[in-house]
Amino acid sequence: MTAFDIGLILSKKSFLDELNQVQVTLLRSTIL
């Protein structure tokens, strides 16, 4: 694995984390 691969994985992971946060926030706002 190169540093570039690691960077891609990390950015992809953080992107998914952001997406999950958005989905949770949307769900909460719909419920409330």
N, C-alpha and C. Protein backbone atom coordinates (compact mmCIF):
# COMPACT_ATOMS: atom_id res chain seq x y z
N MET A 1 0.85 -1.21 0.00
CA MET A 1 0.00 0.00 0.00
C MET A 1 0.88 1.24 0.00
N THR A 2 0.56 2.15 -0.88
CA THR A 2 1.31 3.40 -0.92
C THR A 2 0.61 4.46 -0.07
N ALA A 3 1.31 5.55 0.16
CA ALA A 3 0.71 6.64 0.94
C ALA A 3 -0.53 7.18 0.22
N PHE A 4 -0.48 7.13 -1.13
CA PHE A 4 -1.62 7.60 -1.91
C PHE A 4 -2.85 6.73 -1.65
N ASP A 5 -2.64 5.41 -1.61
CA ASP A 5 -3.75 4.49 -1.33
C ASP A 5 -4.34 4.78 0.04
N ILE A 6 -3.46 4.96 1.01
CA ILE A 6 -3.91 5.23 2.38
C ILE A 6 -4.72 6.53 2.43
N GLY A 7 -4.22 7.53 1.70
CA GLY A 7 -4.94 8.81 1.66
C GLY A 7 -6.33 8.65 1.05
N LEU A 8 -6.41 7.85 -0.01
CA LEU A 8 -7.71 7.61 -0.65
C LEU A 8 -8.68 6.93 0.31
N ILE A 9 -8.18 5.91 1.01
CA ILE A 9 -9.02 5.17 1.96
C ILE A 9 -9.50 6.09 3.08
N LEU A 10 -8.59 6.91 3.60
CA LEU A 10 -8.95 7.81 4.69
C LEU A 10 -9.98 8.83 4.23
N SER A 11 -9.80 9.39 3.04
CA SER A 11 -10.75 10.39 2.56
C SER A 11 -12.10 9.74 2.28
N LYS A 12 -12.06 8.53 1.78
CA LYS A 12 -13.31 7.81 1.51
C LYS A 12 -14.04 7.53 2.82
N LYS A 13 -13.27 7.13 3.84
CA LYS A 13 -13.86 6.82 5.14
C LYS A 13 -14.47 8.07 5.76
N SER A 14 -13.75 9.18 5.71
CA SER A 14 -14.26 10.41 6.31
C SER A 14 -15.49 10.89 5.54
N PHE A 15 -15.48 10.67 4.21
CA PHE A 15 -16.64 11.05 3.39
C PHE A 15 -17.87 10.24 3.82
N LEU A 16 -17.67 8.94 4.04
CA LEU A 16 -18.78 8.09 4.47
C LEU A 16 -19.26 8.50 5.85
N ASP A 17 -18.31 8.87 6.73
CA ASP A 17 -18.69 9.32 8.07
C ASP A 17 -19.56 10.57 7.97
N GLU A 18 -19.16 11.50 7.10
CA GLU A 18 -19.94 12.73 6.90
C GLU A 18 -21.33 12.38 6.40
N LEU A 19 -21.41 11.44 5.45
CA LEU A 19 -22.68 11.03 4.88
C LEU A 19 -23.59 10.45 5.97
N ASN A 20 -23.01 9.60 6.84
CA ASN A 20 -23.77 9.01 7.92
C ASN A 20 -24.31 10.08 8.86
N GLN A 21 -23.47 11.08 9.17
CA GLN A 21 -23.89 12.17 10.04
C GLN A 21 -25.08 12.90 9.43
N VAL A 22 -25.02 13.16 8.12
CA VAL A 22 -26.10 13.87 7.42
C VAL A 22 -27.38 13.04 7.49
N GLN A 23 -27.25 11.74 7.25
CA GLN A 23 -28.44 10.88 7.26
C GLN A 23 -29.07 10.84 8.64
N VAL A 24 -28.23 10.75 9.69
CA VAL A 24 -28.74 10.73 11.06
C VAL A 24 -29.44 12.04 11.37
N THR A 25 -28.83 13.15 10.96
CA THR A 25 -29.44 14.46 11.21
C THR A 25 -30.78 14.57 10.50
N LEU A 26 -30.84 14.11 9.24
CA LEU A 26 -32.09 14.16 8.49
C LEU A 26 -33.16 13.31 9.15
N LEU A 27 -32.76 12.12 9.60
CA LEU A 27 -33.71 11.23 10.27
C LEU A 27 -34.27 11.88 11.52
N ARG A 28 -33.38 12.47 12.30
CA ARG A 28 -33.81 13.12 13.55
C ARG A 28 -34.77 14.25 13.27
N SER A 29 -34.46 15.06 12.26
CA SER A 29 -35.31 16.21 11.96
C SER A 29 -36.68 15.74 11.44
N THR A 30 -36.70 14.59 10.76
CA THR A 30 -37.98 14.07 10.28
C THR A 30 -38.82 13.56 11.44
N ILE A 31 -38.15 12.87 12.39
CA ILE A 31 -38.86 12.31 13.55
C ILE A 31 -39.35 13.43 14.45
N LEU A 32 -38.48 14.40 14.71
CA LEU A 32 -38.86 15.53 15.56
C LEU A 32 -39.57 16.57 14.71
